[in-house]
Amino acid sequence: MSGLTMTAADARLIAGVDEAGRGPLAGPVFAAAVILDPDLDIPGIGDSKKIGPRQREALEVLIKARCLAWSVAYASAAEIDAINILQASLLAMRRAVEGLTRRPELVLVDGNRPPVCACPVQTIVRGDASVPVIGAASILAKVARDRLMCELDQAYPGYGFALHKGYPTLLHRAALRQLGPCPEHRRTFGPVRALL
């Protein structure tokens, strides 16, 4: 929790924030910020990693249609290499919050490290599974990142980005060894660095 002590009970406009893509060897890290309408329930929201792709995409449409505000942002592979994955994740989160069309009174973030924001921030470990507004952000970030990785699969054929989304699977590691890194690979990550 930041030095400010506003609680969720005090705030009317609460933004949930989560990231997607800290572990992959390629592509940006994404973050989303969402302000849900407290009067509209969206069943099925939860940790995006436990929801199938089709359900995530259906929920993305519902969340965007029914929320009060949403924003998706990212930090590039080059930024990840320049400032490290943790700082890049926090940067993407800050960009997502700053991109909201409404200013939240409180930001709830999944995890234990808060981004720098102009309003109070509270961190919640495993918040994507327990707090709907964070779960909604988790879904938007994951869907946006997966969509971009499918586009990168077209731009850089042979790596299988549409299949593994940049994660270090056996297929991805084999493609890396055969083709070498592409511009979207994170050069500071061990398996990529070893090939440079």
C-alpha atoms as a PDB file:
ATOM      1  CA  MET A   1       0.000   0.000   0.000  1.00  0.00           C
ATOM      2  CA  SER A   2       1.287   3.464  -0.721  1.00  0.00           C
ATOM      3  CA  GLY A   3       1.613   6.116   1.974  1.00  0.00           C
ATOM      4  CA  LEU A   4      -1.947   7.265   1.314  1.00  0.00           C
ATOM      5  CA  THR A   5      -4.604   5.427   3.270  1.00  0.00           C
ATOM      6  CA  MET A   6      -7.777   5.554   1.178  1.00  0.00           C
ATOM      7  CA  THR A   7      -9.588   2.207   1.281  1.00  0.00           C
ATOM      8  CA  ALA A   8     -11.841   0.552  -1.270  1.00  0.00           C
ATOM      9  CA  ALA A   9     -14.797   1.348   1.017  1.00  0.00           C
ATOM     10  CA  ASP A  10     -14.011   5.102   0.724  1.00  0.00           C
ATOM     11  CA  ALA A  11     -13.502   5.184  -3.046  1.00  0.00           C
ATOM     12  CA  ARG A  12     -16.215   5.350  -5.690  1.00  0.00           C
ATOM     13  CA  LEU A  13     -14.048   5.067  -8.801  1.00  0.00           C
ATOM     14  CA  ILE A  14     -11.709   2.096  -8.314  1.00  0.00           C
ATOM     15  CA  ALA A  15      -9.354   1.003 -11.081  1.00  0.00           C
ATOM     16  CA  GLY A  16      -8.108  -2.565 -11.200  1.00  0.00           C
ATOM     17  CA  VAL A  17      -4.688  -3.068 -12.795  1.00  0.00           C
ATOM     18  CA  ASP A  18      -2.843  -6.199 -13.909  1.00  0.00           C
ATOM     19  CA  GLU A  19      -0.117  -7.158 -16.354  1.00  0.00           C
ATOM     20  CA  ALA A  20       0.409  -9.980 -18.837  1.00  0.00           C
ATOM     21  CA  GLY A  21       3.624 -11.281 -20.314  1.00  0.00           C
ATOM     22  CA  ARG A  22       6.381 -11.047 -17.717  1.00  0.00           C
ATOM     23  CA  GLY A  23       7.694 -14.548 -18.416  1.00  0.00           C
ATOM     24  CA  PRO A  24       7.971 -14.766 -22.231  1.00  0.00           C
ATOM     25  CA  LEU A  25      11.235 -14.496 -24.135  1.00  0.00           C
ATOM     26  CA  ALA A  26       9.687 -12.240 -26.791  1.00  0.00           C
ATOM     27  CA  GLY A  27       7.193  -9.432 -27.203  1.00  0.00           C
ATOM     28  CA  PRO A  28       6.104  -6.556 -24.979  1.00  0.00           C
ATOM     29  CA  VAL A  29       4.728  -6.792 -21.452  1.00  0.00           C
ATOM     30  CA  PHE A  30       1.134  -5.536 -21.416  1.00  0.00           C
ATOM     31  CA  ALA A  31      -0.957  -3.975 -18.657  1.00  0.00           C
ATOM     32  CA  ALA A  32      -4.597  -2.991 -18.421  1.00  0.00           C
ATOM     33  CA  ALA A  33      -6.542  -0.688 -16.136  1.00  0.00           C
ATOM     34  CA  VAL A  34     -10.308  -1.025 -15.737  1.00  0.00           C
ATOM     35  CA  ILE A  35     -12.946   0.871 -13.783  1.00  0.00           C
ATOM     36  CA  LEU A  36     -16.029  -1.344 -13.449  1.00  0.00           C
ATOM     37  CA  ASP A  37     -19.547  -0.027 -13.009  1.00  0.00           C
ATOM     38  CA  PRO A  38     -20.486  -1.159  -9.466  1.00  0.00           C
ATOM     39  CA  ASP A  39     -24.124  -1.522 -10.592  1.00  0.00           C
ATOM     40  CA  LEU A  40     -23.316  -3.987 -13.406  1.00  0.00           C
ATOM     41  CA  ASP A  41     -22.172  -7.521 -12.651  1.00  0.00           C
ATOM     42  CA  ILE A  42     -20.076  -9.369 -15.253  1.00  0.00           C
ATOM     43  CA  PRO A  43     -20.164 -13.111 -14.463  1.00  0.00           C
ATOM     44  CA  GLY A  44     -17.065 -15.155 -15.194  1.00  0.00           C
ATOM     45  CA  ILE A  45     -14.397 -12.553 -14.436  1.00  0.00           C
ATOM     46  CA  GLY A  46     -11.307 -14.008 -12.772  1.00  0.00           C
ATOM     47  CA  ASP A  47      -7.642 -14.785 -13.240  1.00  0.00           C
ATOM     48  CA  SER A  48      -7.117 -14.724 -17.027  1.00  0.00           C
ATOM     49  CA  LYS A  49      -4.648 -17.627 -16.833  1.00  0.00           C
ATOM     50  CA  LYS A  50      -7.450 -19.928 -15.657  1.00  0.00           C
ATOM     51  CA  ILE A  51      -9.889 -18.962 -18.426  1.00  0.00           C
ATOM     52  CA  GLY A  52      -9.748 -20.381 -21.961  1.00  0.00           C
ATOM     53  CA  PRO A  53      -8.969 -18.106 -24.930  1.00  0.00           C
ATOM     54  CA  ARG A  54     -12.506 -18.018 -26.340  1.00  0.00           C
ATOM     55  CA  GLN A  55     -14.037 -17.194 -22.958  1.00  0.00           C
ATOM     56  CA  ARG A  56     -11.416 -14.476 -22.398  1.00  0.00           C
ATOM     57  CA  GLU A  57     -12.267 -12.906 -25.760  1.00  0.00           C
ATOM     58  CA  ALA A  58     -15.999 -12.995 -24.981  1.00  0.00           C
ATOM     59  CA  LEU A  59     -15.361 -11.438 -21.568  1.00  0.00           C
ATOM     60  CA  GLU A  60     -13.171  -8.758 -23.151  1.00  0.00           C
ATOM     61  CA  VAL A  61     -16.149  -7.593 -25.239  1.00  0.00           C
ATOM     62  CA  LEU A  62     -18.441  -7.559 -22.185  1.00  0.00           C
ATOM     63  CA  ILE A  63     -15.920  -5.754 -19.974  1.00  0.00           C
ATOM     64  CA  LYS A  64     -15.285  -3.031 -22.555  1.00  0.00           C
ATOM     65  CA  ALA A  65     -19.028  -2.594 -23.154  1.00  0.00           C
ATOM     66  CA  ARG A  66     -20.064  -2.469 -19.487  1.00  0.00           C
ATOM     67  CA  CYS A  67     -17.167  -0.800 -17.667  1.00  0.00           C
ATOM     68  CA  LEU A  68     -16.895   2.918 -16.913  1.00  0.00           C
ATOM     69  CA  ALA A  69     -13.385   3.154 -18.396  1.00  0.00           C
ATOM     70  CA  TRP A  70     -10.596   0.908 -19.657  1.00  0.00           C
ATOM     71  CA  SER A  71      -7.092   1.321 -20.987  1.00  0.00           C
ATOM     72  CA  VAL A  72      -4.430  -1.065 -22.286  1.00  0.00           C
ATOM     73  CA  ALA A  73      -0.743  -0.163 -22.535  1.00  0.00           C
ATOM     74  CA  TYR A  74       2.595  -1.920 -22.897  1.00  0.00           C
ATOM     75  CA  ALA A  75       6.336  -1.653 -22.531  1.00  0.00           C
ATOM     76  CA  SER A  76       8.308  -2.929 -25.518  1.00  0.00           C
ATOM     77  CA  ALA A  77      10.939  -5.654 -25.608  1.00  0.00           C
ATOM     78  CA  ALA A  78      13.564  -2.920 -26.010  1.00  0.00           C
ATOM     79  CA  GLU A  79      12.267  -1.154 -22.896  1.00  0.00           C
ATOM     80  CA  ILE A  80      12.304  -4.464 -21.001  1.00  0.00           C
ATOM     81  CA  ASP A  81      15.963  -4.919 -21.970  1.00  0.00           C
ATOM     82  CA  ALA A  82      16.781  -1.328 -20.977  1.00  0.00           C
ATOM     83  CA  ILE A  83      15.137  -1.180 -17.531  1.00  0.00           C
ATOM     84  CA  ASN A  84      14.398  -4.874 -16.624  1.00  0.00           C
ATOM     85  CA  ILE A  85      11.116  -6.757 -16.660  1.00  0.00           C
ATOM     86  CA  LEU A  86       9.869  -5.593 -13.243  1.00  0.00           C
ATOM     87  CA  GLN A  87      10.371  -1.907 -14.032  1.00  0.00           C
ATOM     88  CA  ALA A  88       8.885  -2.396 -17.514  1.00  0.00           C
ATOM     89  CA  SER A  89       5.804  -4.058 -15.977  1.00  0.00           C
ATOM     90  CA  LEU A  90       5.360  -1.138 -13.578  1.00  0.00           C
ATOM     91  CA  LEU A  91       5.829   1.294 -16.484  1.00  0.00           C
ATOM     92  CA  ALA A  92       3.130  -0.478 -18.521  1.00  0.00           C
ATOM     93  CA  MET A  93       0.800  -0.350 -15.500  1.00  0.00           C
ATOM     94  CA  ARG A  94       1.405   3.366 -15.023  1.00  0.00           C
ATOM     95  CA  ARG A  95       0.740   3.983 -18.731  1.00  0.00           C
ATOM     96  CA  ALA A  96      -2.507   2.003 -18.506  1.00  0.00           C
ATOM     97  CA  VAL A  97      -3.736   4.044 -15.513  1.00  0.00           C
ATOM     98  CA  GLU A  98      -2.738   7.303 -17.214  1.00  0.00           C
ATOM     99  CA  GLY A  99      -4.669   6.208 -20.310  1.00  0.00           C
ATOM    100  CA  LEU A 100      -8.001   5.948 -18.482  1.00  0.00           C
ATOM    101  CA  THR A 101     -10.613   8.492 -19.571  1.00  0.00           C
ATOM    102  CA  ARG A 102     -11.765   8.837 -15.959  1.00  0.00           C
ATOM    103  CA  ARG A 103      -9.398   9.452 -13.061  1.00  0.00           C
ATOM    104  CA  PRO A 104      -9.697   6.748 -10.389  1.00  0.00           C
ATOM    105  CA  GLU A 105      -9.780   7.566  -6.695  1.00  0.00           C
ATOM    106  CA  LEU A 106      -8.004   4.313  -5.856  1.00  0.00           C
ATOM    107  CA  VAL A 107      -5.938   1.838  -7.879  1.00  0.00           C
ATOM    108  CA  LEU A 108      -5.904  -1.853  -6.919  1.00  0.00           C
ATOM    109  CA  VAL A 109      -2.933  -3.719  -8.392  1.00  0.00           C
ATOM    110  CA  ASP A 110      -2.325  -7.447  -8.644  1.00  0.00           C
ATOM    111  CA  GLY A 111       0.932  -8.418  -6.935  1.00  0.00           C
ATOM    112  CA  ASN A 112       3.115  -6.788  -4.307  1.00  0.00           C
ATOM    113  CA  ARG A 113       4.828  -3.953  -6.209  1.00  0.00           C
ATOM    114  CA  PRO A 114       2.837  -0.779  -6.938  1.00  0.00           C
ATOM    115  CA  PRO A 115       3.375   1.403  -9.996  1.00  0.00           C
ATOM    116  CA  VAL A 116       3.803   5.134  -9.476  1.00  0.00           C
ATOM    117  CA  CYS A 117       0.365   6.744  -9.854  1.00  0.00           C
ATOM    118  CA  ALA A 118      -1.180  10.137  -9.158  1.00  0.00           C
ATOM    119  CA  CYS A 119      -3.738   8.550  -6.813  1.00  0.00           C
ATOM    120  CA  PRO A 120      -3.539   6.051  -3.927  1.00  0.00           C
ATOM    121  CA  VAL A 121      -2.447   2.538  -4.873  1.00  0.00           C
ATOM    122  CA  GLN A 122      -3.055  -0.710  -3.001  1.00  0.00           C
ATOM    123  CA  THR A 123      -1.383  -4.000  -3.934  1.00  0.00           C
ATOM    124  CA  ILE A 124      -3.190  -7.324  -3.543  1.00  0.00           C
ATOM    125  CA  VAL A 125      -1.307 -10.596  -3.989  1.00  0.00           C
ATOM    126  CA  ARG A 126      -3.339 -12.919  -6.266  1.00  0.00           C
ATOM    127  CA  GLY A 127      -5.834 -10.079  -6.665  1.00  0.00           C
ATOM    128  CA  ASP A 128      -6.687 -11.229 -10.202  1.00  0.00           C
ATOM    129  CA  ALA A 129      -8.434 -14.271  -8.709  1.00  0.00           C
ATOM    130  CA  SER A 130     -10.128 -12.524  -5.769  1.00  0.00           C
ATOM    131  CA  VAL A 131     -10.990  -8.967  -6.866  1.00  0.00           C
ATOM    132  CA  PRO A 132     -13.265  -8.669  -9.943  1.00  0.00           C
ATOM    133  CA  VAL A 133     -11.924  -5.298 -11.082  1.00  0.00           C
ATOM    134  CA  ILE A 134      -8.365  -6.710 -11.101  1.00  0.00           C
ATOM    135  CA  GLY A 135      -9.598  -9.875 -12.823  1.00  0.00           C
ATOM    136  CA  ALA A 136     -11.163  -7.695 -15.527  1.00  0.00           C
ATOM    137  CA  ALA A 137      -7.826  -5.936 -16.071  1.00  0.00           C
ATOM    138  CA  SER A 138      -6.083  -9.318 -16.198  1.00  0.00           C
ATOM    139  CA  ILE A 139      -8.382 -10.436 -19.010  1.00  0.00           C
ATOM    140  CA  LEU A 140      -7.936  -7.260 -21.089  1.00  0.00           C
ATOM    141  CA  ALA A 141      -4.148  -7.369 -20.746  1.00  0.00           C
ATOM    142  CA  LYS A 142      -3.931 -11.067 -21.652  1.00  0.00           C
ATOM    143  CA  VAL A 143      -6.236 -10.806 -24.685  1.00  0.00           C
ATOM    144  CA  ALA A 144      -4.435  -7.714 -26.001  1.00  0.00           C
ATOM    145  CA  ARG A 145      -1.026  -9.347 -25.641  1.00  0.00           C
ATOM    146  CA  ASP A 146      -2.132 -12.638 -27.216  1.00  0.00           C
ATOM    147  CA  ARG A 147      -3.595 -10.692 -30.149  1.00  0.00           C
ATOM    148  CA  LEU A 148      -0.327  -8.850 -30.720  1.00  0.00           C
ATOM    149  CA  MET A 149       1.687 -12.074 -30.519  1.00  0.00           C
ATOM    150  CA  CYS A 150      -0.501 -13.537 -33.283  1.00  0.00           C
ATOM    151  CA  GLU A 151       0.319 -10.445 -35.388  1.00  0.00           C
ATOM    152  CA  LEU A 152       4.033 -10.900 -34.627  1.00  0.00           C
ATOM    153  CA  ASP A 153       3.688 -14.513 -35.788  1.00  0.00           C
ATOM    154  CA  GLN A 154       2.857 -13.119 -39.240  1.00  0.00           C
ATOM    155  CA  ALA A 155       5.705 -10.590 -39.116  1.00  0.00           C
ATOM    156  CA  TYR A 156       8.280 -13.144 -37.911  1.00  0.00           C
ATOM    157  CA  PRO A 157       7.238 -16.565 -39.241  1.00  0.00           C
ATOM    158  CA  GLY A 158       8.946 -19.668 -37.976  1.00  0.00           C
ATOM    159  CA  TYR A 159       9.015 -18.892 -34.256  1.00  0.00           C
ATOM    160  CA  GLY A 160       5.469 -20.077 -33.509  1.00  0.00           C
ATOM    161  CA  PHE A 161       4.440 -16.926 -31.631  1.00  0.00           C
ATOM    162  CA  ALA A 162       0.736 -17.613 -32.317  1.00  0.00           C
ATOM    163  CA  LEU A 163       1.064 -20.949 -30.518  1.00  0.00           C
ATOM    164  CA  HIS A 164       3.200 -20.169 -27.460  1.00  0.00           C
ATOM    165  CA  LYS A 165       2.837 -16.355 -27.300  1.00  0.00           C
ATOM    166  CA  GLY A 166       6.562 -15.984 -26.729  1.00  0.00           C
ATOM    167  CA  TYR A 167       6.825 -18.232 -23.667  1.00  0.00           C
ATOM    168  CA  PRO A 168       9.928 -20.467 -23.457  1.00  0.00           C
ATOM    169  CA  THR A 169       8.348 -23.692 -24.721  1.00  0.00           C
ATOM    170  CA  LEU A 170      10.400 -26.469 -26.350  1.00  0.00           C
ATOM    171  CA  LEU A 171       9.083 -25.357 -29.759  1.00  0.00           C
ATOM    172  CA  HIS A 172      10.110 -21.753 -29.144  1.00  0.00           C
ATOM    173  CA  ARG A 173      13.569 -22.674 -27.852  1.00  0.00           C
ATOM    174  CA  ALA A 174      14.143 -24.937 -30.878  1.00  0.00           C
ATOM    175  CA  ALA A 175      13.097 -22.127 -33.254  1.00  0.00           C
ATOM    176  CA  LEU A 176      15.388 -19.717 -31.432  1.00  0.00           C
ATOM    177  CA  ARG A 177      18.344 -22.055 -31.855  1.00  0.00           C
ATOM    178  CA  GLN A 178      17.564 -22.537 -35.548  1.00  0.00           C
ATOM    179  CA  LEU A 179      16.669 -18.964 -36.533  1.00  0.00           C
ATOM    180  CA  GLY A 180      18.386 -16.858 -33.891  1.00  0.00           C
ATOM    181  CA  PRO A 181      16.602 -13.981 -32.116  1.00  0.00           C
ATOM    182  CA  CYS A 182      14.270 -11.623 -33.983  1.00  0.00           C
ATOM    183  CA  PRO A 183      13.846  -7.905 -33.099  1.00  0.00           C
ATOM    184  CA  GLU A 184      11.010  -8.775 -30.685  1.00  0.00           C
ATOM    185  CA  HIS A 185      13.135 -11.080 -28.528  1.00  0.00           C
ATOM    186  CA  ARG A 186      14.196  -9.877 -25.084  1.00  0.00           C
ATOM    187  CA  ARG A 187      17.968  -9.911 -25.297  1.00  0.00           C
ATOM    188  CA  THR A 188      18.532  -9.756 -21.540  1.00  0.00           C
ATOM    189  CA  PHE A 189      16.608 -13.006 -20.940  1.00  0.00           C
ATOM    190  CA  GLY A 190      18.956 -15.998 -20.462  1.00  0.00           C
ATOM    191  CA  PRO A 191      17.907 -18.290 -23.340  1.00  0.00           C
ATOM    192  CA  VAL A 192      18.065 -15.360 -25.796  1.00  0.00           C
ATOM    193  CA  ARG A 193      21.264 -13.867 -24.377  1.00  0.00           C
ATOM    194  CA  ALA A 194      22.964 -17.260 -24.704  1.00  0.00           C
ATOM    195  CA  LEU A 195      22.471 -17.151 -28.487  1.00  0.00           C
ATOM    196  CA  LEU A 196      23.841 -13.665 -29.042  1.00  0.00           C
END
